[in-house]
N, C-alpha and C. Protein backbone atom coordinates (compact mmCIF):
# COMPACT_ATOMS: atom_id res chain seq x y z
N MET A 1 6.50 9.59 12.55
CA MET A 1 5.95 10.50 10.97
C MET A 1 4.28 10.07 11.05
N THR A 2 4.42 12.17 11.99
CA THR A 2 2.78 12.29 12.15
C THR A 2 2.68 13.06 10.50
N ASP A 3 1.32 13.00 10.70
CA ASP A 3 0.62 13.29 9.26
C ASP A 3 1.17 12.58 8.01
N VAL A 4 1.02 11.88 8.27
CA VAL A 4 1.61 10.40 7.99
C VAL A 4 0.94 11.05 5.97
N PHE A 5 -0.16 10.81 5.70
CA PHE A 5 -1.03 11.28 4.39
C PHE A 5 -1.06 12.66 4.14
N ARG A 6 -0.93 13.48 3.12
CA ARG A 6 -0.79 14.95 2.65
C ARG A 6 -2.51 14.66 2.03
N PHE A 7 -3.26 13.86 1.27
CA PHE A 7 -4.34 14.25 1.10
C PHE A 7 -5.80 13.47 1.60
N ILE A 8 -5.71 11.90 2.09
CA ILE A 8 -6.51 11.73 2.85
C ILE A 8 -6.38 12.23 4.20
N ARG A 9 -7.92 12.26 4.65
CA ARG A 9 -7.51 12.89 5.75
C ARG A 9 -8.44 11.23 7.13
N ASP A 10 -8.77 11.30 7.82
CA ASP A 10 -9.72 10.20 8.86
C ASP A 10 -10.07 11.36 9.99
N ASP A 11 -11.57 11.76 9.15
CA ASP A 11 -12.80 12.68 10.11
C ASP A 11 -13.00 12.11 11.12
N GLU A 12 -13.15 12.38 11.97
CA GLU A 12 -13.74 11.68 12.80
C GLU A 12 -15.56 11.05 13.25
N VAL A 13 -16.04 12.54 12.08
CA VAL A 13 -17.27 11.79 11.85
C VAL A 13 -17.54 11.09 10.67
N LEU A 14 -16.82 11.75 9.32
CA LEU A 14 -17.49 11.23 7.98
C LEU A 14 -15.89 10.27 7.54
N GLY A 15 -15.13 9.57 8.56
CA GLY A 15 -14.33 8.12 8.37
C GLY A 15 -13.72 9.01 7.87
N TRP A 16 -12.74 8.30 6.92
CA TRP A 16 -11.88 8.38 5.70
C TRP A 16 -12.39 9.00 4.78
N THR A 17 -11.89 10.24 4.51
CA THR A 17 -12.34 11.25 3.18
C THR A 17 -10.89 11.16 2.21
N VAL A 18 -11.46 10.65 1.02
CA VAL A 18 -10.51 10.38 -0.38
C VAL A 18 -10.85 11.04 -1.60
N ASP A 19 -11.30 12.44 -1.35
CA ASP A 19 -11.96 12.82 -3.17
C ASP A 19 -10.66 13.89 -3.14
N PRO A 20 -9.91 14.74 -2.05
CA PRO A 20 -9.06 15.73 -2.49
C PRO A 20 -7.76 14.42 -2.66
N TYR A 21 -7.58 13.98 -2.22
CA TYR A 21 -6.74 12.32 -3.05
C TYR A 21 -6.67 11.70 -4.31
N PHE A 22 -8.42 11.31 -4.91
CA PHE A 22 -8.52 10.71 -5.77
C PHE A 22 -7.92 12.31 -7.16
N ALA A 23 -8.76 14.04 -6.69
CA ALA A 23 -8.01 14.41 -7.85
C ALA A 23 -6.84 14.88 -7.47
N TYR A 24 -6.05 14.58 -6.39
CA TYR A 24 -4.40 14.65 -6.72
C TYR A 24 -4.48 13.79 -8.16
N LEU A 25 -4.88 12.27 -7.80
CA LEU A 25 -4.23 11.24 -9.11
C LEU A 25 -4.56 11.41 -10.14
N ALA A 26 -5.81 12.32 -10.32
CA ALA A 26 -5.73 12.10 -11.82
C ALA A 26 -4.65 13.28 -11.80
N SER A 27 -4.37 14.23 -11.19
CA SER A 27 -3.62 15.71 -11.72
C SER A 27 -2.27 14.81 -12.16
N ILE A 28 -1.64 13.41 -11.34
CA ILE A 28 -0.33 13.66 -12.15
C ILE A 28 -0.41 11.97 -12.68
N GLU A 29 -1.24 11.64 -13.23
CA GLU A 29 -1.89 10.39 -14.19
C GLU A 29 -0.59 10.61 -15.37
N HIS A 30 -0.06 11.46 -15.63
CA HIS A 30 0.51 11.82 -17.38
C HIS A 30 1.60 11.58 -16.12
N ARG A 31 2.19 11.41 -15.20
CA ARG A 31 3.66 11.10 -15.03
C ARG A 31 3.98 9.84 -14.18
N LEU A 32 3.09 8.80 -14.50
CA LEU A 32 2.83 7.31 -14.02
C LEU A 32 2.28 6.26 -14.44
N ASP A 33 3.49 5.46 -15.37
CA ASP A 33 3.27 4.24 -15.93
C ASP A 33 1.38 4.10 -15.74
N PRO A 34 0.68 3.46 -16.47
CA PRO A 34 -0.45 3.29 -17.14
C PRO A 34 -1.57 2.12 -16.11
N ALA A 35 -0.42 1.06 -15.61
CA ALA A 35 -0.84 -0.32 -14.84
C ALA A 35 -0.63 0.97 -13.45
N LEU A 36 0.07 1.20 -13.17
CA LEU A 36 0.45 1.54 -12.34
C LEU A 36 -0.62 2.38 -11.55
N TYR A 37 -1.42 3.08 -12.18
CA TYR A 37 -1.94 4.43 -12.60
C TYR A 37 -3.24 3.61 -12.21
N ALA A 38 -3.30 2.77 -13.36
CA ALA A 38 -4.94 1.78 -12.79
C ALA A 38 -5.23 1.64 -10.97
N PHE A 39 -4.18 0.23 -10.62
CA PHE A 39 -4.19 0.48 -9.56
C PHE A 39 -4.08 1.47 -8.50
N VAL A 40 -3.20 2.52 -8.44
CA VAL A 40 -3.41 3.41 -7.14
C VAL A 40 -4.89 4.48 -7.24
N SER A 41 -5.79 4.76 -8.49
CA SER A 41 -6.72 4.96 -9.04
C SER A 41 -7.65 4.41 -8.40
N ASP A 42 -7.96 3.00 -8.24
CA ASP A 42 -9.44 2.38 -8.12
C ASP A 42 -9.71 1.79 -7.24
N VAL A 43 -11.08 3.17 -7.06
CA VAL A 43 -11.39 3.06 -5.91
C VAL A 43 -11.70 2.45 -4.79
N ASP A 44 -11.56 0.59 -5.48
CA ASP A 44 -12.35 -0.30 -4.81
C ASP A 44 -10.61 -0.51 -3.64
N ARG A 45 -9.59 0.01 -4.35
CA ARG A 45 -9.06 -0.56 -3.74
C ARG A 45 -8.46 -0.15 -2.48
N TYR A 46 -9.68 1.11 -2.18
CA TYR A 46 -9.30 1.81 -0.67
C TYR A 46 -10.65 1.93 -0.02
N ASN A 47 -11.91 0.93 -0.99
CA ASN A 47 -13.31 1.11 -0.24
C ASN A 47 -13.21 -0.21 0.75
N LEU A 48 -14.04 0.29 2.28
CA LEU A 48 -13.23 -0.31 3.27
C LEU A 48 -14.26 -1.73 3.28
N THR A 49 -15.48 -1.96 2.06
CA THR A 49 -15.96 -3.34 2.09
C THR A 49 -15.60 -4.27 0.94
N SER A 50 -15.12 -3.70 -0.03
CA SER A 50 -14.29 -4.29 -1.54
C SER A 50 -13.42 -5.49 -1.15
N ARG A 51 -13.50 -6.77 -1.63
CA ARG A 51 -12.28 -7.58 -2.02
C ARG A 51 -11.29 -7.40 -3.04
N LYS A 52 -11.35 -6.04 -3.10
CA LYS A 52 -10.07 -5.85 -3.74
C LYS A 52 -9.29 -5.05 -3.09
N SER A 53 -10.05 -4.27 -2.08
CA SER A 53 -9.32 -3.15 -1.06
C SER A 53 -7.77 -3.77 -0.20
N LEU A 54 -7.50 -3.03 0.01
CA LEU A 54 -6.13 -2.80 0.65
C LEU A 54 -6.63 -2.96 2.08
N HIS A 55 -8.02 -1.40 2.60
CA HIS A 55 -8.39 -1.75 3.51
C HIS A 55 -8.64 -3.77 4.64
N ASP A 56 -7.91 -3.36 5.69
CA ASP A 56 -7.96 -4.68 6.66
C ASP A 56 -7.13 -6.14 6.24
N ALA A 57 -6.94 -5.66 4.79
CA ALA A 57 -5.68 -6.93 4.77
C ALA A 57 -4.39 -7.00 5.75
N TRP A 58 -3.75 -7.70 5.57
CA TRP A 58 -3.14 -8.15 7.28
C TRP A 58 -1.55 -8.27 6.37
N LEU A 59 0.02 -7.68 7.10
CA LEU A 59 0.71 -7.66 6.16
C LEU A 59 1.32 -9.24 6.39
N ARG A 60 1.71 -9.72 5.42
CA ARG A 60 2.09 -10.96 5.47
C ARG A 60 4.14 -11.01 5.79
N LYS A 61 4.52 -9.82 4.74
CA LYS A 61 5.57 -9.57 4.30
C LYS A 61 6.49 -8.80 4.05
N LEU A 62 7.39 -8.21 4.53
CA LEU A 62 8.59 -6.90 3.98
C LEU A 62 9.65 -7.44 4.06
N SER A 63 9.56 -7.19 3.26
CA SER A 63 11.57 -7.67 2.60
C SER A 63 12.27 -6.70 1.77
N LEU A 64 14.07 -6.16 1.88
CA LEU A 64 14.44 -5.58 1.34
C LEU A 64 16.15 -6.55 1.31
N MET A 65 15.81 -6.40 -0.33
CA MET A 65 17.34 -7.27 -0.80
C MET A 65 17.60 -6.27 -2.09
N PRO A 66 19.28 -6.54 -2.15
CA PRO A 66 20.03 -5.84 -3.69
C PRO A 66 19.52 -6.51 -4.79
N VAL A 67 19.25 -5.73 -5.71
CA VAL A 67 19.06 -6.45 -6.74
C VAL A 67 19.27 -7.31 -7.53
N ASP A 68 21.35 -7.40 -6.92
CA ASP A 68 21.99 -7.58 -7.66
C ASP A 68 22.86 -8.25 -5.34
N MET A 69 22.80 -9.23 -5.68
CA MET A 69 23.04 -9.66 -4.75
C MET A 69 24.74 -10.03 -4.56
N HIS A 70 24.95 -9.83 -5.37
CA HIS A 70 27.08 -9.62 -5.59
C HIS A 70 27.39 -8.33 -6.00
N ALA A 71 26.84 -7.88 -6.35
CA ALA A 71 27.31 -6.86 -7.10
C ALA A 71 27.71 -6.08 -5.42
N ARG A 72 28.48 -4.63 -5.41
CA ARG A 72 29.01 -3.86 -4.50
C ARG A 72 27.83 -2.74 -4.34
N ALA A 73 27.58 -2.43 -5.16
CA ALA A 73 26.70 -1.02 -5.47
C ALA A 73 25.32 -1.75 -5.88
N SER A 74 23.94 -2.06 -5.58
CA SER A 74 22.84 -2.54 -6.14
C SER A 74 21.87 -1.42 -5.58
N PRO A 75 21.27 -1.09 -7.16
CA PRO A 75 20.19 -0.67 -6.62
C PRO A 75 18.95 -1.39 -5.51
N MET A 76 18.32 -1.35 -4.31
CA MET A 76 17.32 -2.08 -3.74
C MET A 76 16.28 -2.26 -3.94
N ARG A 77 15.66 -3.59 -3.84
CA ARG A 77 14.17 -3.40 -4.43
C ARG A 77 13.72 -3.95 -2.36
N LEU A 78 12.20 -3.26 -2.22
CA LEU A 78 11.49 -3.63 -1.38
C LEU A 78 10.12 -4.16 -1.80
N GLU A 79 9.63 -5.43 -1.10
CA GLU A 79 8.47 -6.00 -0.94
C GLU A 79 7.67 -6.10 0.09
N LEU A 80 6.39 -6.32 -0.58
CA LEU A 80 5.83 -6.33 0.64
C LEU A 80 4.23 -6.86 0.03
N GLU A 81 4.03 -8.09 1.19
CA GLU A 81 2.40 -9.12 0.76
C GLU A 81 2.30 -9.07 1.73
N PHE A 82 0.73 -8.83 1.42
CA PHE A 82 -0.38 -8.87 2.09
C PHE A 82 -1.57 -9.72 1.49
N LEU A 83 -2.15 -10.15 2.64
CA LEU A 83 -3.45 -11.13 2.48
C LEU A 83 -4.65 -10.26 2.23
N GLY A 84 -5.28 -10.60 1.47
CA GLY A 84 -6.61 -9.38 1.22
C GLY A 84 -7.36 -10.04 2.54
N PRO A 85 -8.84 -8.82 2.76
CA PRO A 85 -9.51 -8.52 4.12
C PRO A 85 -10.10 -9.77 3.53
N TYR A 86 -10.80 -10.18 3.07
CA TYR A 86 -11.07 -11.30 2.19
C TYR A 86 -10.27 -12.85 2.66
N HIS A 87 -9.67 -12.90 2.13
CA HIS A 87 -8.34 -13.73 2.41
C HIS A 87 -8.88 -14.75 1.16
N ASP A 88 -8.80 -14.18 0.32
CA ASP A 88 -9.22 -14.71 -0.89
C ASP A 88 -8.17 -14.56 -1.82
N ARG A 89 -7.14 -13.46 -1.82
CA ARG A 89 -6.19 -13.46 -2.85
C ARG A 89 -4.88 -12.88 -2.07
N ILE A 90 -4.04 -12.66 -2.31
CA ILE A 90 -3.00 -11.61 -1.80
C ILE A 90 -2.32 -11.21 -2.83
N PHE A 91 -1.72 -9.74 -2.41
CA PHE A 91 -1.47 -8.45 -2.81
C PHE A 91 0.32 -8.49 -2.84
N ARG A 92 0.96 -8.65 -3.90
CA ARG A 92 2.54 -8.14 -3.79
C ARG A 92 2.64 -6.97 -4.41
N LEU A 93 3.34 -5.84 -3.44
CA LEU A 93 3.57 -4.73 -4.04
C LEU A 93 5.22 -4.87 -4.06
N TYR A 94 5.52 -4.68 -5.64
CA TYR A 94 7.42 -4.28 -5.64
C TYR A 94 7.30 -2.51 -5.78
N TYR A 95 8.35 -2.61 -4.96
CA TYR A 95 9.10 -1.06 -4.97
C TYR A 95 10.96 -1.69 -5.46
N ASP A 96 10.66 -0.59 -6.33
CA ASP A 96 12.58 -0.81 -7.55
C ASP A 96 13.27 0.60 -7.33
N ASP A 97 14.15 0.58 -6.85
CA ASP A 97 15.36 1.37 -7.06
C ASP A 97 14.99 2.10 -5.53
N VAL A 98 14.82 1.59 -4.54
CA VAL A 98 13.87 1.98 -2.90
C VAL A 98 14.91 3.18 -2.76
N LEU A 99 14.86 4.06 -2.72
CA LEU A 99 16.05 5.64 -2.11
C LEU A 99 15.61 5.82 -0.48
N ALA A 100 15.00 5.29 0.33
CA ALA A 100 14.09 6.25 1.44
C ALA A 100 13.02 5.01 1.65
N TYR A 101 12.76 4.86 3.12
CA TYR A 101 11.90 3.68 3.43
C TYR A 101 12.16 4.21 5.15
N GLY A 102 10.98 4.03 5.58
CA GLY A 102 10.79 4.61 6.89
C GLY A 102 9.76 3.40 7.53
N LEU A 103 10.00 2.82 9.17
CA LEU A 103 9.17 2.05 10.06
C LEU A 103 9.35 3.05 11.09
N ASN A 104 7.82 2.91 11.61
CA ASN A 104 7.40 3.70 13.55
C ASN A 104 6.63 2.64 14.04
N GLN A 105 7.22 1.52 14.43
CA GLN A 105 6.03 0.90 15.10
C GLN A 105 5.82 1.33 16.84
N GLN A 106 4.87 1.17 17.33
CA GLN A 106 4.30 2.16 18.76
C GLN A 106 5.29 0.52 19.24
N LEU A 107 4.85 0.31 20.58
CA LEU A 107 4.75 -0.94 21.14
C LEU A 107 4.11 -1.60 21.01
N ARG A 108 4.27 -3.08 20.33
CA ARG A 108 2.85 -4.23 20.65
C ARG A 108 2.30 -5.05 21.89
N THR A 109 1.25 -5.00 21.86
CA THR A 109 0.88 -5.24 23.32
C THR A 109 0.13 -6.58 22.97
N HIS A 110 0.13 -7.09 21.87
CA HIS A 110 -0.42 -8.14 21.10
C HIS A 110 0.28 -8.95 19.97
N HIS A 111 -0.08 -10.14 19.92
CA HIS A 111 1.12 -10.87 18.44
C HIS A 111 -0.09 -11.14 17.45
N ARG A 112 -1.30 -10.08 17.55
CA ARG A 112 -2.63 -10.94 16.32
C ARG A 112 -1.66 -10.03 14.73
N ASN A 113 -2.34 -10.38 13.74
CA ASN A 113 -1.85 -9.85 12.49
C ASN A 113 -2.32 -8.08 12.26
N GLN A 114 -1.21 -7.55 11.81
CA GLN A 114 -1.31 -5.98 12.02
C GLN A 114 -2.02 -5.56 10.23
N ASP A 115 -3.49 -5.27 10.34
CA ASP A 115 -4.61 -4.79 9.92
C ASP A 115 -4.33 -3.03 9.02
N LEU A 116 -3.98 -3.02 7.54
CA LEU A 116 -3.28 -2.08 7.27
C LEU A 116 -5.03 -0.80 7.35
N LEU A 117 -4.93 -0.50 7.36
CA LEU A 117 -6.03 0.32 7.72
C LEU A 117 -6.41 1.49 6.47
N MET A 118 -4.96 2.36 5.72
CA MET A 118 -5.18 3.09 4.94
C MET A 118 -3.87 3.34 4.37
N HIS A 119 -4.05 3.45 2.92
CA HIS A 119 -2.53 3.89 2.29
C HIS A 119 -2.67 4.92 1.04
N GLU A 120 -1.87 5.50 1.06
CA GLU A 120 -1.69 7.22 0.56
C GLU A 120 -0.62 7.25 -0.93
N PHE A 121 -0.75 6.75 -1.93
CA PHE A 121 0.69 6.97 -3.39
C PHE A 121 0.93 8.26 -3.67
N ARG A 122 1.94 8.68 -4.05
CA ARG A 122 1.81 9.98 -4.20
C ARG A 122 3.31 10.35 -4.92
N LEU A 123 3.70 11.23 -5.23
CA LEU A 123 5.01 11.79 -5.54
C LEU A 123 5.50 12.45 -4.58
N ASP A 124 7.20 12.68 -3.76
CA ASP A 124 7.51 13.07 -2.91
C ASP A 124 7.08 14.63 -3.23
N GLU A 125 7.52 15.57 -2.76
CA GLU A 125 7.90 17.07 -2.29
C GLU A 125 8.41 17.30 -4.07
N GLN A 126 9.20 16.91 -4.04
CA GLN A 126 9.97 18.01 -5.28
C GLN A 126 9.14 17.37 -6.46
N GLY A 127 8.86 15.81 -6.93
CA GLY A 127 8.13 15.68 -8.09
C GLY A 127 8.82 14.93 -8.67
N GLU A 128 9.58 13.77 -7.53
CA GLU A 128 10.37 13.33 -8.17
C GLU A 128 10.14 11.94 -8.35
N LEU A 129 10.20 11.61 -6.35
CA LEU A 129 10.05 9.81 -6.67
C LEU A 129 8.45 9.45 -5.95
N LEU A 130 8.34 8.03 -6.32
CA LEU A 130 7.73 7.95 -5.65
C LEU A 130 7.64 7.98 -4.33
N GLU A 131 6.41 7.21 -3.40
CA GLU A 131 6.32 7.91 -2.15
C GLU A 131 5.03 6.94 -2.31
N HIS A 132 4.92 6.11 -0.92
CA HIS A 132 3.43 4.96 -0.50
C HIS A 132 3.23 4.77 0.62
N MET A 133 2.46 5.54 1.24
CA MET A 133 2.83 5.59 2.98
C MET A 133 1.19 4.40 3.45
N PHE A 134 1.76 4.00 4.09
CA PHE A 134 0.77 2.81 5.04
C PHE A 134 0.22 3.72 6.34
N GLU A 135 -0.58 3.03 6.90
CA GLU A 135 -1.06 3.20 8.33
C GLU A 135 -1.78 1.76 8.49
N PHE A 136 -0.90 1.36 9.67
CA PHE A 136 -1.93 -0.25 10.66
C PHE A 136 -2.64 0.38 12.27
N ASP A 137 -3.47 -0.62 12.39
CA ASP A 137 -4.30 -0.70 12.99
C ASP A 137 -3.52 -0.36 14.30
N ASP A 138 -2.24 -1.14 14.33
CA ASP A 138 -1.62 -1.14 15.68
C ASP A 138 0.10 -0.46 15.61
N GLY A 139 -0.45 0.70 15.36
CA GLY A 139 0.49 1.95 15.50
C GLY A 139 1.80 1.89 14.52
N LEU A 140 1.91 0.96 13.16
CA LEU A 140 3.08 0.62 12.38
C LEU A 140 2.67 1.90 11.70
N TYR A 141 3.76 2.66 11.20
CA TYR A 141 3.25 3.40 9.68
C TYR A 141 5.04 3.32 9.06
N LEU A 142 4.52 2.63 7.78
CA LEU A 142 5.44 2.49 6.73
C LEU A 142 5.22 3.40 5.55
N LYS A 143 6.70 3.79 5.48
CA LYS A 143 6.86 4.83 4.05
C LYS A 143 7.91 4.11 3.17
N VAL A 144 7.68 3.99 2.23
CA VAL A 144 8.57 3.51 0.66
C VAL A 144 8.53 4.72 -0.23
N ALA A 145 9.93 5.35 -0.60
CA ALA A 145 10.57 5.78 -1.81
C ALA A 145 11.10 5.79 -2.35
N CYS A 146 10.92 5.46 -4.06
CA CYS A 146 11.19 4.46 -4.88
C CYS A 146 11.49 5.55 -6.68
N GLN A 147 11.86 4.52 -7.41
CA GLN A 147 12.21 5.42 -8.86
C GLN A 147 11.04 4.79 -9.56
N ALA A 148 10.01 3.65 -8.83
CA ALA A 148 9.37 2.60 -9.51
C ALA A 148 8.35 1.74 -8.87
N MET A 149 7.61 1.38 -9.17
CA MET A 149 6.58 0.69 -8.33
C MET A 149 5.75 -0.74 -9.27
N SER A 150 5.50 -1.45 -9.15
CA SER A 150 4.69 -2.75 -9.79
C SER A 150 3.75 -3.63 -8.65
N PHE A 151 3.13 -3.83 -8.95
CA PHE A 151 2.29 -5.15 -8.24
C PHE A 151 1.74 -5.88 -8.88
N GLU A 152 1.28 -6.95 -8.18
CA GLU A 152 0.80 -8.21 -8.50
C GLU A 152 -0.46 -8.58 -7.63
N GLU A 153 -1.85 -9.62 -8.15
CA GLU A 153 -2.71 -9.97 -6.91
C GLU A 153 -3.04 -11.14 -7.68
N VAL A 154 -2.61 -11.67 -6.78
CA VAL A 154 -2.69 -13.43 -6.91
C VAL A 154 -4.50 -14.42 -6.03
N MET A 155 -4.92 -14.58 -6.68
CA MET A 155 -6.49 -14.97 -6.61
C MET A 155 -6.35 -16.46 -5.50
N LEU A 156 -6.68 -16.53 -4.42
CA LEU A 156 -6.78 -17.72 -3.50
C LEU A 156 -8.05 -18.77 -3.92
N GLU A 157 -7.64 -19.83 -3.74
CA GLU A 157 -9.02 -20.49 -3.34
C GLU A 157 -9.63 -20.09 -2.36
N VAL A 158 -11.21 -20.70 -2.40
CA VAL A 158 -11.94 -19.76 -1.31
C VAL A 158 -12.55 -21.20 -1.22
N GLU A 159 -13.20 -20.93 0.05
CA GLU A 159 -14.03 -21.53 0.50
C GLU A 159 -15.64 -21.25 0.13
N ALA A 160 -16.46 -22.86 0.11
CA ALA A 160 -17.45 -22.62 -0.59
C ALA A 160 -18.66 -20.97 0.03
N ASP A 161 -18.32 -20.91 1.61
CA ASP A 161 -19.63 -19.88 2.27
C ASP A 161 -18.59 -18.83 1.78
N ASP A 162 -17.26 -18.60 1.43
CA ASP A 162 -17.18 -17.26 1.43
C ASP A 162 -16.99 -16.94 -0.15
N ALA A 163 -17.45 -17.62 -1.26
CA ALA A 163 -17.51 -17.70 -2.28
C ALA A 163 -19.20 -16.69 -3.05
N ASP A 164 -20.13 -16.94 -1.63
CA ASP A 164 -21.20 -16.54 -2.06
C ASP A 164 -21.07 -14.79 -1.64
N ARG A 165 -20.07 -14.44 -1.03
CA ARG A 165 -20.33 -12.89 -0.61
C ARG A 165 -19.75 -12.12 -2.41
N SER A 166 -20.51 -11.30 -2.55
CA SER A 166 -20.06 -10.40 -3.26
C SER A 166 -19.07 -9.34 -3.14
N ASP A 167 -18.69 -9.04 -4.51
CA ASP A 167 -17.33 -7.67 -4.07
C ASP A 167 -18.22 -6.52 -3.70
């Protein structure tokens, strides 16, 4: 999974460059559900210091299952769950009617949590499917291609010391 991202670049000097990505998202806004567009185009979801960011979130769960466990042929649903970077919220991402997914994991030499470095949402090359790409700090790359995507953000109880940090 080389060149995971089409619009986001990791520059050695500048760090993550996302301006072309947000321009791309604006160009496909009319193709997306308003709630999904609001989520994927929210700059704070990519900001390296925001509580709402997925950057540095820990992957806690990845599950793939048929929507109807008893049907011979059933659309697949993939769910990802992340613990937010400040451990004050859970992000759940739901991908419905999954038509393709891919995992590429380098040999892990440790057992620590997998930190998300960056993610990119886009339409596939034909402009028909939703794609969500992820790059993690330990060499894991994840790609999901689906017909629909949704998300939820669940706030957790936080310690008094953590409550003093601002977004």
